[in-house]
Amino acid sequence: MRYSSVSLSSIALENGTQQGYTKRPLSELVCDNALSWLIQVGVLRREVDGQGITNSFRLTPLGHQLIEQFPEKNWRTPTWSERLADALIRWFRLPF
């Protein structure tokens, strides 16, 4: 996504693991929900063509800044309490 748009079909199912987008196969619905979360946070946007919104995604300027600021950073594994807090925030977010 750093250099070009990526389609949902490239990320979902076996394609995502083969191309290095995911660690395990994700259904299209789960993948779309995760990408929607990144859109709401402001890191991704949906690609638009002449006929409307497509199933492709691109980085926003904020996403590019994060990539440049933290290139190839090895993140630590989140704790269970951090995972629980993240899940609660994502499940109970208000639709603004």
C-alpha atoms as a PDB file:
ATOM      1  CA  MET A   1       0.000   0.000   0.000  1.00  0.00           C
ATOM      2  CA  ARG A   2       2.989   2.256   0.333  1.00  0.00           C
ATOM      3  CA  TYR A   3       3.431   2.577  -3.440  1.00  0.00           C
ATOM      4  CA  SER A   4       0.081   1.581  -4.976  1.00  0.00           C
ATOM      5  CA  SER A   5      -3.446   0.602  -4.053  1.00  0.00           C
ATOM      6  CA  VAL A   6      -4.189  -2.933  -2.863  1.00  0.00           C
ATOM      7  CA  SER A   7      -7.484  -4.702  -3.535  1.00  0.00           C
ATOM      8  CA  LEU A   8      -9.498  -6.483  -0.869  1.00  0.00           C
ATOM      9  CA  SER A   9      -9.205  -9.761  -2.791  1.00  0.00           C
ATOM     10  CA  SER A  10      -5.400  -9.517  -2.523  1.00  0.00           C
ATOM     11  CA  ILE A  11      -5.578  -9.261   1.274  1.00  0.00           C
ATOM     12  CA  ALA A  12      -8.396 -11.702   2.059  1.00  0.00           C
ATOM     13  CA  LEU A  13      -8.264 -15.513   2.184  1.00  0.00           C
ATOM     14  CA  GLU A  14      -5.101 -17.373   1.130  1.00  0.00           C
ATOM     15  CA  ASN A  15      -3.889 -14.504  -1.065  1.00  0.00           C
ATOM     16  CA  GLY A  16      -3.183 -12.366   2.000  1.00  0.00           C
ATOM     17  CA  THR A  17      -0.878 -14.920   3.595  1.00  0.00           C
ATOM     18  CA  GLN A  18       0.888 -15.703   0.316  1.00  0.00           C
ATOM     19  CA  GLN A  19       1.573 -12.035  -0.407  1.00  0.00           C
ATOM     20  CA  GLY A  20       2.566 -11.225   3.184  1.00  0.00           C
ATOM     21  CA  TYR A  21      -0.384  -8.996   4.109  1.00  0.00           C
ATOM     22  CA  THR A  22      -1.677 -11.270   6.893  1.00  0.00           C
ATOM     23  CA  LYS A  23      -0.260 -13.954   9.153  1.00  0.00           C
ATOM     24  CA  ARG A  24      -3.307 -16.185   8.746  1.00  0.00           C
ATOM     25  CA  PRO A  25      -6.118 -16.361   6.176  1.00  0.00           C
ATOM     26  CA  LEU A  26      -8.943 -13.908   6.865  1.00  0.00           C
ATOM     27  CA  SER A  27     -12.421 -13.974   5.392  1.00  0.00           C
ATOM     28  CA  GLU A  28     -13.411 -11.014   3.246  1.00  0.00           C
ATOM     29  CA  LEU A  29     -15.819  -9.778   5.928  1.00  0.00           C
ATOM     30  CA  VAL A  30     -13.195  -9.851   8.687  1.00  0.00           C
ATOM     31  CA  CYS A  31     -10.678  -8.239   6.375  1.00  0.00           C
ATOM     32  CA  ASP A  32     -13.129  -5.504   5.349  1.00  0.00           C
ATOM     33  CA  ASN A  33     -13.967  -4.786   9.003  1.00  0.00           C
ATOM     34  CA  ALA A  34     -10.279  -4.480   9.911  1.00  0.00           C
ATOM     35  CA  LEU A  35      -9.624  -2.183   6.962  1.00  0.00           C
ATOM     36  CA  SER A  36     -12.695  -0.105   7.885  1.00  0.00           C
ATOM     37  CA  TRP A  37     -11.183   0.377  11.339  1.00  0.00           C
ATOM     38  CA  LEU A  38      -7.975   1.679   9.744  1.00  0.00           C
ATOM     39  CA  ILE A  39     -10.071   4.032   7.594  1.00  0.00           C
ATOM     40  CA  GLN A  40     -11.815   5.394  10.703  1.00  0.00           C
ATOM     41  CA  VAL A  41      -8.474   5.885  12.446  1.00  0.00           C
ATOM     42  CA  GLY A  42      -7.242   7.803   9.406  1.00  0.00           C
ATOM     43  CA  VAL A  43      -4.438   5.556   8.158  1.00  0.00           C
ATOM     44  CA  LEU A  44      -6.186   4.170   5.039  1.00  0.00           C
ATOM     45  CA  ARG A  45      -8.680   5.373   2.468  1.00  0.00           C
ATOM     46  CA  ARG A  46     -10.703   3.612  -0.193  1.00  0.00           C
ATOM     47  CA  GLU A  47      -9.602   4.044  -3.779  1.00  0.00           C
ATOM     48  CA  VAL A  48     -12.030   5.958  -5.993  1.00  0.00           C
ATOM     49  CA  ASP A  49     -12.285   5.667  -9.756  1.00  0.00           C
ATOM     50  CA  GLY A  50     -14.518   7.411 -12.279  1.00  0.00           C
ATOM     51  CA  GLN A  51     -17.522   5.271 -11.359  1.00  0.00           C
ATOM     52  CA  GLY A  52     -17.277   5.501  -7.564  1.00  0.00           C
ATOM     53  CA  ILE A  53     -15.674   3.695  -4.656  1.00  0.00           C
ATOM     54  CA  THR A  54     -13.752   0.503  -5.423  1.00  0.00           C
ATOM     55  CA  ASN A  55     -12.539  -2.423  -3.300  1.00  0.00           C
ATOM     56  CA  SER A  56      -8.980  -1.096  -3.284  1.00  0.00           C
ATOM     57  CA  PHE A  57      -7.231   0.704  -0.434  1.00  0.00           C
ATOM     58  CA  ARG A  58      -4.407   3.274  -0.211  1.00  0.00           C
ATOM     59  CA  LEU A  59      -2.458   4.924   2.573  1.00  0.00           C
ATOM     60  CA  THR A  60      -3.495   8.424   3.606  1.00  0.00           C
ATOM     61  CA  PRO A  61      -0.891  11.138   4.185  1.00  0.00           C
ATOM     62  CA  LEU A  62      -0.980  10.190   7.886  1.00  0.00           C
ATOM     63  CA  GLY A  63      -0.314   6.570   6.937  1.00  0.00           C
ATOM     64  CA  HIS A  64       2.694   7.643   4.865  1.00  0.00           C
ATOM     65  CA  GLN A  65       4.009   9.718   7.793  1.00  0.00           C
ATOM     66  CA  LEU A  66       3.729   6.737  10.135  1.00  0.00           C
ATOM     67  CA  ILE A  67       5.560   4.476   7.677  1.00  0.00           C
ATOM     68  CA  GLU A  68       8.364   7.015   7.287  1.00  0.00           C
ATOM     69  CA  GLN A  69       8.600   7.664  11.034  1.00  0.00           C
ATOM     70  CA  PHE A  70       8.656   3.981  12.048  1.00  0.00           C
ATOM     71  CA  PRO A  71      10.269   2.010   9.187  1.00  0.00           C
ATOM     72  CA  GLU A  72      10.687  -1.718   9.845  1.00  0.00           C
ATOM     73  CA  LYS A  73      10.242  -1.187  13.569  1.00  0.00           C
ATOM     74  CA  ASN A  74      10.019  -4.414  15.529  1.00  0.00           C
ATOM     75  CA  TRP A  75       7.031  -3.886  17.781  1.00  0.00           C
ATOM     76  CA  ARG A  76       6.711  -5.788  21.009  1.00  0.00           C
ATOM     77  CA  THR A  77       3.871  -8.262  21.414  1.00  0.00           C
ATOM     78  CA  PRO A  78       0.925  -6.585  23.173  1.00  0.00           C
ATOM     79  CA  THR A  79      -0.066  -7.842  26.603  1.00  0.00           C
ATOM     80  CA  TRP A  80      -3.414  -9.505  27.178  1.00  0.00           C
ATOM     81  CA  SER A  81      -4.706  -6.411  28.981  1.00  0.00           C
ATOM     82  CA  GLU A  82      -3.724  -4.259  25.978  1.00  0.00           C
ATOM     83  CA  ARG A  83      -5.470  -6.698  23.632  1.00  0.00           C
ATOM     84  CA  LEU A  84      -8.599  -6.614  25.807  1.00  0.00           C
ATOM     85  CA  ALA A  85      -8.581  -2.809  25.929  1.00  0.00           C
ATOM     86  CA  ASP A  86      -8.189  -2.667  22.140  1.00  0.00           C
ATOM     87  CA  ALA A  87     -11.049  -5.122  21.633  1.00  0.00           C
ATOM     88  CA  LEU A  88     -13.329  -3.129  23.924  1.00  0.00           C
ATOM     89  CA  ILE A  89     -12.504   0.131  22.189  1.00  0.00           C
ATOM     90  CA  ARG A  90     -13.147  -1.380  18.754  1.00  0.00           C
ATOM     91  CA  TRP A  91     -16.376  -3.175  19.721  1.00  0.00           C
ATOM     92  CA  PHE A  92     -17.943  -0.299  21.622  1.00  0.00           C
ATOM     93  CA  ARG A  93     -16.859   2.617  19.450  1.00  0.00           C
ATOM     94  CA  LEU A  94     -19.443   5.206  18.640  1.00  0.00           C
ATOM     95  CA  PRO A  95     -20.228   5.685  14.945  1.00  0.00           C
ATOM     96  CA  PHE A  96     -19.077   9.291  14.412  1.00  0.00           C
END
